[in-house]
Amino acid sequence: MGAVLLAGGISVLATLGAQAASGTSALPPPDPTAKNLTPYMIQLRAFDACLVTQSRLMGTTREAVHTPCSCYAKGTVAAMTKDEIQAFRDTGYFNDSAREKGLGFIDRCKLKRPI
């Protein structure tokens, strides 16, 4: 289960960066494992992806980015609307409006943008 969450989480941030740069034309296929995720489980995916991505971007350990990644994941998912949560369940990644919120929390939580 942890590997599934990590893999899905990585796709969240990877997709976030790729889509922010390219728009909606390069969307990956839907992730069927996201279908029944609770907001808390979506938060865990975002947190795991953040740890992997930010430790790499900042050249540091996952432990060093734990607090800012927690800030990012909690803030982003808490700010998502019911429609954004459902869109995540349908696809496995943030839609445009949730992505904008995520980028705002990346800035607010003092992380590096993955784009």
N, C-alpha and C. Protein backbone atom coordinates (compact mmCIF):
# COMPACT_ATOMS: atom_id res chain seq x y z
N MET A 1 0.84 -1.20 0.00
CA MET A 1 0.00 0.00 0.00
C MET A 1 0.88 1.25 0.00
N GLY A 2 1.96 1.24 0.80
CA GLY A 2 2.85 2.39 0.84
C GLY A 2 3.47 2.68 -0.50
N ALA A 3 3.85 1.63 -1.22
CA ALA A 3 4.45 1.82 -2.54
C ALA A 3 3.43 2.42 -3.51
N VAL A 4 2.18 1.98 -3.39
CA VAL A 4 1.13 2.52 -4.25
C VAL A 4 0.93 4.00 -3.95
N LEU A 5 0.89 4.34 -2.66
CA LEU A 5 0.73 5.75 -2.29
C LEU A 5 1.90 6.58 -2.76
N LEU A 6 3.11 6.05 -2.60
CA LEU A 6 4.29 6.78 -3.03
C LEU A 6 4.28 6.97 -4.54
N ALA A 7 3.99 5.91 -5.27
CA ALA A 7 3.96 6.01 -6.73
C ALA A 7 2.90 7.00 -7.18
N GLY A 8 1.72 6.93 -6.56
CA GLY A 8 0.66 7.87 -6.91
C GLY A 8 1.03 9.28 -6.51
N GLY A 9 1.67 9.41 -5.36
CA GLY A 9 2.08 10.73 -4.89
C GLY A 9 3.11 11.36 -5.79
N ILE A 10 4.03 10.55 -6.26
CA ILE A 10 5.05 11.07 -7.16
C ILE A 10 4.38 11.58 -8.43
N SER A 11 3.37 10.86 -8.89
CA SER A 11 2.69 11.31 -10.10
C SER A 11 1.96 12.63 -9.87
N VAL A 12 1.53 12.87 -8.63
CA VAL A 12 0.85 14.13 -8.32
C VAL A 12 1.79 15.30 -8.56
N LEU A 13 2.97 15.27 -7.96
CA LEU A 13 3.89 16.39 -8.14
C LEU A 13 4.53 16.42 -9.51
N ALA A 14 4.82 15.27 -10.07
CA ALA A 14 5.38 15.25 -11.41
C ALA A 14 4.37 15.83 -12.40
N THR A 15 3.13 15.44 -12.23
CA THR A 15 2.07 15.97 -13.08
C THR A 15 1.89 17.45 -12.85
N LEU A 16 1.97 17.86 -11.58
CA LEU A 16 1.85 19.27 -11.24
C LEU A 16 2.85 20.10 -12.01
N GLY A 17 4.10 19.67 -12.00
CA GLY A 17 5.13 20.41 -12.70
C GLY A 17 4.98 20.35 -14.20
N ALA A 18 4.73 19.19 -14.71
CA ALA A 18 4.61 19.02 -16.16
C ALA A 18 3.42 19.78 -16.71
N GLN A 19 2.30 19.72 -16.02
CA GLN A 19 1.11 20.39 -16.52
C GLN A 19 1.20 21.89 -16.37
N ALA A 20 1.83 22.35 -15.32
CA ALA A 20 1.97 23.79 -15.16
C ALA A 20 2.78 24.35 -16.31
N ALA A 21 3.73 23.57 -16.80
CA ALA A 21 4.56 24.04 -17.90
C ALA A 21 3.88 23.88 -19.26
N SER A 22 3.03 22.86 -19.39
CA SER A 22 2.52 22.57 -20.72
C SER A 22 1.03 22.74 -20.90
N GLY A 23 0.30 23.05 -19.85
CA GLY A 23 -1.14 23.17 -19.98
C GLY A 23 -1.81 21.82 -19.90
N THR A 24 -3.05 21.72 -20.37
CA THR A 24 -3.82 20.49 -20.21
C THR A 24 -3.68 19.52 -21.38
N SER A 25 -2.83 19.80 -22.35
CA SER A 25 -2.75 18.93 -23.51
C SER A 25 -1.95 17.65 -23.26
N ALA A 26 -1.10 17.60 -22.24
CA ALA A 26 -0.24 16.44 -22.01
C ALA A 26 -0.63 15.68 -20.75
N LEU A 27 -1.92 15.43 -20.57
CA LEU A 27 -2.38 14.76 -19.36
C LEU A 27 -2.07 13.27 -19.41
N PRO A 28 -1.61 12.72 -18.27
CA PRO A 28 -1.38 11.28 -18.22
C PRO A 28 -2.71 10.53 -18.15
N PRO A 29 -2.69 9.23 -18.36
CA PRO A 29 -3.93 8.46 -18.26
C PRO A 29 -4.45 8.47 -16.82
N PRO A 30 -5.76 8.30 -16.62
CA PRO A 30 -6.32 8.28 -15.27
C PRO A 30 -5.69 7.18 -14.41
N ASP A 31 -5.59 7.43 -13.12
CA ASP A 31 -5.04 6.47 -12.17
C ASP A 31 -6.19 5.77 -11.46
N PRO A 32 -6.46 4.51 -11.79
CA PRO A 32 -7.61 3.81 -11.19
C PRO A 32 -7.48 3.61 -9.68
N THR A 33 -6.28 3.70 -9.13
CA THR A 33 -6.11 3.52 -7.68
C THR A 33 -6.63 4.72 -6.90
N ALA A 34 -6.92 5.84 -7.56
CA ALA A 34 -7.37 7.05 -6.87
C ALA A 34 -8.89 7.08 -6.67
N LYS A 35 -9.59 6.16 -7.26
CA LYS A 35 -11.05 6.19 -7.33
C LYS A 35 -11.74 6.37 -5.98
N ASN A 36 -11.29 5.72 -4.94
CA ASN A 36 -11.97 5.75 -3.64
C ASN A 36 -11.16 6.43 -2.55
N LEU A 37 -10.21 7.26 -2.93
CA LEU A 37 -9.37 7.91 -1.92
C LEU A 37 -10.14 8.95 -1.11
N THR A 38 -9.89 8.95 0.19
CA THR A 38 -10.43 9.99 1.06
C THR A 38 -9.54 11.22 0.93
N PRO A 39 -10.01 12.38 1.37
CA PRO A 39 -9.12 13.55 1.35
C PRO A 39 -7.82 13.30 2.12
N TYR A 40 -7.90 12.59 3.23
CA TYR A 40 -6.68 12.29 4.00
C TYR A 40 -5.72 11.45 3.18
N MET A 41 -6.23 10.48 2.43
CA MET A 41 -5.36 9.65 1.60
C MET A 41 -4.76 10.46 0.44
N ILE A 42 -5.51 11.40 -0.08
CA ILE A 42 -4.97 12.30 -1.11
C ILE A 42 -3.86 13.14 -0.50
N GLN A 43 -4.08 13.60 0.72
CA GLN A 43 -3.06 14.37 1.43
C GLN A 43 -1.79 13.55 1.61
N LEU A 44 -1.92 12.27 1.96
CA LEU A 44 -0.75 11.41 2.11
C LEU A 44 0.01 11.25 0.80
N ARG A 45 -0.73 11.12 -0.30
CA ARG A 45 -0.07 11.02 -1.62
C ARG A 45 0.71 12.30 -1.91
N ALA A 46 0.08 13.43 -1.67
CA ALA A 46 0.76 14.70 -1.93
C ALA A 46 1.98 14.86 -1.03
N PHE A 47 1.87 14.45 0.23
CA PHE A 47 2.97 14.54 1.17
C PHE A 47 4.14 13.66 0.72
N ASP A 48 3.84 12.40 0.38
CA ASP A 48 4.90 11.49 -0.06
C ASP A 48 5.59 12.00 -1.32
N ALA A 49 4.81 12.49 -2.26
CA ALA A 49 5.38 13.03 -3.49
C ALA A 49 6.24 14.24 -3.21
N CYS A 50 5.78 15.06 -2.30
CA CYS A 50 6.53 16.25 -1.92
C CYS A 50 7.88 15.86 -1.32
N LEU A 51 7.88 14.89 -0.42
CA LEU A 51 9.15 14.46 0.20
C LEU A 51 10.16 14.04 -0.85
N VAL A 52 9.72 13.23 -1.80
CA VAL A 52 10.62 12.72 -2.83
C VAL A 52 11.09 13.86 -3.73
N THR A 53 10.15 14.63 -4.22
CA THR A 53 10.47 15.70 -5.18
C THR A 53 11.30 16.80 -4.55
N GLN A 54 10.89 17.28 -3.39
CA GLN A 54 11.58 18.40 -2.77
C GLN A 54 12.96 18.03 -2.25
N SER A 55 13.12 16.83 -1.72
CA SER A 55 14.46 16.44 -1.26
C SER A 55 15.42 16.41 -2.45
N ARG A 56 14.92 15.96 -3.60
CA ARG A 56 15.75 15.94 -4.81
C ARG A 56 16.03 17.36 -5.30
N LEU A 57 14.97 18.19 -5.38
CA LEU A 57 15.15 19.57 -5.87
C LEU A 57 16.06 20.40 -4.99
N MET A 58 15.97 20.17 -3.68
CA MET A 58 16.75 20.98 -2.73
C MET A 58 18.08 20.32 -2.36
N GLY A 59 18.31 19.12 -2.86
CA GLY A 59 19.56 18.43 -2.56
C GLY A 59 19.73 18.15 -1.07
N THR A 60 18.66 17.69 -0.43
CA THR A 60 18.69 17.44 1.00
C THR A 60 17.95 16.14 1.31
N THR A 61 17.79 15.86 2.58
CA THR A 61 17.10 14.64 2.99
C THR A 61 15.59 14.84 3.04
N ARG A 62 14.88 13.74 3.02
CA ARG A 62 13.43 13.80 3.17
C ARG A 62 13.06 14.35 4.54
N GLU A 63 13.85 14.00 5.54
CA GLU A 63 13.59 14.51 6.90
C GLU A 63 13.66 16.03 6.94
N ALA A 64 14.56 16.61 6.17
CA ALA A 64 14.74 18.06 6.17
C ALA A 64 13.55 18.81 5.57
N VAL A 65 12.80 18.15 4.70
CA VAL A 65 11.64 18.80 4.07
C VAL A 65 10.32 18.29 4.64
N HIS A 66 10.38 17.52 5.72
CA HIS A 66 9.17 16.94 6.31
C HIS A 66 8.15 18.01 6.69
N THR A 67 8.57 19.01 7.45
CA THR A 67 7.64 20.04 7.92
C THR A 67 7.07 20.87 6.78
N PRO A 68 7.91 21.38 5.86
CA PRO A 68 7.31 22.14 4.75
C PRO A 68 6.42 21.29 3.84
N CYS A 69 6.76 20.02 3.66
CA CYS A 69 5.91 19.15 2.85
C CYS A 69 4.58 18.86 3.55
N SER A 70 4.62 18.75 4.86
CA SER A 70 3.38 18.59 5.62
C SER A 70 2.50 19.82 5.45
N CYS A 71 3.10 20.99 5.53
CA CYS A 71 2.40 22.27 5.32
C CYS A 71 1.74 22.28 3.94
N TYR A 72 2.51 21.90 2.92
CA TYR A 72 2.01 21.88 1.54
C TYR A 72 0.83 20.92 1.37
N ALA A 73 1.01 19.69 1.83
CA ALA A 73 -0.02 18.66 1.61
C ALA A 73 -1.30 18.99 2.37
N LYS A 74 -1.17 19.35 3.63
CA LYS A 74 -2.35 19.67 4.43
C LYS A 74 -3.07 20.90 3.88
N GLY A 75 -2.31 21.93 3.56
CA GLY A 75 -2.91 23.16 3.07
C GLY A 75 -3.61 22.98 1.74
N THR A 76 -2.95 22.29 0.83
CA THR A 76 -3.51 22.10 -0.51
C THR A 76 -4.82 21.31 -0.45
N VAL A 77 -4.81 20.18 0.23
CA VAL A 77 -6.01 19.34 0.27
C VAL A 77 -7.12 20.03 1.06
N ALA A 78 -6.78 20.73 2.12
CA ALA A 78 -7.80 21.45 2.89
C ALA A 78 -8.46 22.55 2.06
N ALA A 79 -7.72 23.12 1.13
CA ALA A 79 -8.25 24.20 0.29
C ALA A 79 -9.04 23.70 -0.91
N MET A 80 -8.95 22.41 -1.19
CA MET A 80 -9.65 21.85 -2.36
C MET A 80 -11.15 21.78 -2.13
N THR A 81 -11.89 22.07 -3.18
CA THR A 81 -13.35 21.96 -3.13
C THR A 81 -13.76 20.50 -3.33
N LYS A 82 -15.03 20.21 -3.11
CA LYS A 82 -15.54 18.85 -3.35
C LYS A 82 -15.34 18.45 -4.81
N ASP A 83 -15.53 19.39 -5.72
CA ASP A 83 -15.33 19.10 -7.14
C ASP A 83 -13.86 18.78 -7.44
N GLU A 84 -12.95 19.49 -6.81
CA GLU A 84 -11.52 19.23 -7.02
C GLU A 84 -11.12 17.86 -6.45
N ILE A 85 -11.69 17.52 -5.29
CA ILE A 85 -11.44 16.19 -4.70
C ILE A 85 -11.96 15.11 -5.65
N GLN A 86 -13.15 15.31 -6.17
CA GLN A 86 -13.72 14.32 -7.10
C GLN A 86 -12.90 14.24 -8.37
N ALA A 87 -12.43 15.36 -8.86
CA ALA A 87 -11.59 15.35 -10.06
C ALA A 87 -10.31 14.56 -9.80
N PHE A 88 -9.75 14.70 -8.60
CA PHE A 88 -8.56 13.92 -8.25
C PHE A 88 -8.90 12.43 -8.24
N ARG A 89 -10.03 12.08 -7.66
CA ARG A 89 -10.44 10.67 -7.63
C ARG A 89 -10.63 10.12 -9.04
N ASP A 90 -11.15 10.95 -9.92
CA ASP A 90 -11.41 10.52 -11.30
C ASP A 90 -10.12 10.32 -12.11
N THR A 91 -9.09 11.09 -11.79
CA THR A 91 -7.88 11.09 -12.62
C THR A 91 -6.61 10.65 -11.90
N GLY A 92 -6.52 10.94 -10.60
CA GLY A 92 -5.29 10.64 -9.87
C GLY A 92 -4.32 11.80 -9.84
N TYR A 93 -4.75 12.97 -10.31
CA TYR A 93 -3.90 14.16 -10.24
C TYR A 93 -4.76 15.40 -10.05
N PHE A 94 -4.11 16.48 -9.68
CA PHE A 94 -4.81 17.74 -9.45
C PHE A 94 -5.30 18.33 -10.77
N ASN A 95 -6.53 18.86 -10.75
CA ASN A 95 -7.01 19.58 -11.93
C ASN A 95 -6.41 20.99 -11.90
N ASP A 96 -6.75 21.81 -12.87
CA ASP A 96 -6.12 23.14 -12.99
C ASP A 96 -6.30 24.00 -11.75
N SER A 97 -7.51 24.04 -11.20
CA SER A 97 -7.73 24.92 -10.04
C SER A 97 -7.04 24.38 -8.79
N ALA A 98 -7.02 23.07 -8.59
CA ALA A 98 -6.31 22.49 -7.45
C ALA A 98 -4.80 22.66 -7.62
N ARG A 99 -4.32 22.58 -8.85
CA ARG A 99 -2.90 22.78 -9.13
C ARG A 99 -2.46 24.19 -8.74
N GLU A 100 -3.31 25.16 -9.05
CA GLU A 100 -3.00 26.55 -8.67
C GLU A 100 -2.90 26.68 -7.15
N LYS A 101 -3.82 26.04 -6.44
CA LYS A 101 -3.77 26.06 -4.98
C LYS A 101 -2.50 25.39 -4.49
N GLY A 102 -2.14 24.27 -5.11
CA GLY A 102 -0.91 23.57 -4.74
C GLY A 102 0.32 24.43 -4.94
N LEU A 103 0.39 25.13 -6.05
CA LEU A 103 1.53 26.01 -6.29
C LEU A 103 1.59 27.13 -5.25
N GLY A 104 0.42 27.62 -4.86
CA GLY A 104 0.38 28.64 -3.81
C GLY A 104 0.93 28.12 -2.50
N PHE A 105 0.60 26.87 -2.16
CA PHE A 105 1.13 26.30 -0.93
C PHE A 105 2.60 25.92 -1.05
N ILE A 106 3.06 25.59 -2.24
CA ILE A 106 4.50 25.37 -2.42
C ILE A 106 5.24 26.66 -2.06
N ASP A 107 4.74 27.79 -2.54
CA ASP A 107 5.36 29.08 -2.23
C ASP A 107 5.22 29.42 -0.75
N ARG A 108 4.02 29.28 -0.22
CA ARG A 108 3.73 29.62 1.17
C ARG A 108 4.54 28.79 2.16
N CYS A 109 4.77 27.54 1.82
CA CYS A 109 5.48 26.62 2.72
C CYS A 109 6.98 26.60 2.46
N LYS A 110 7.43 27.53 1.61
CA LYS A 110 8.85 27.74 1.33
C LYS A 110 9.52 26.52 0.70
N LEU A 111 8.84 25.98 -0.31
CA LEU A 111 9.38 24.87 -1.09
C LEU A 111 9.75 25.38 -2.49
N LYS A 112 10.46 24.57 -3.25
CA LYS A 112 10.80 24.95 -4.61
C LYS A 112 9.74 24.44 -5.57
N ARG A 113 9.38 25.27 -6.52
CA ARG A 113 8.43 24.85 -7.57
C ARG A 113 9.12 23.82 -8.46
N PRO A 114 8.42 22.72 -8.77
CA PRO A 114 9.05 21.66 -9.57
C PRO A 114 9.03 21.95 -11.06
N ILE A 115 8.95 23.20 -11.46
CA ILE A 115 8.89 23.55 -12.89
C ILE A 115 9.99 24.52 -13.22
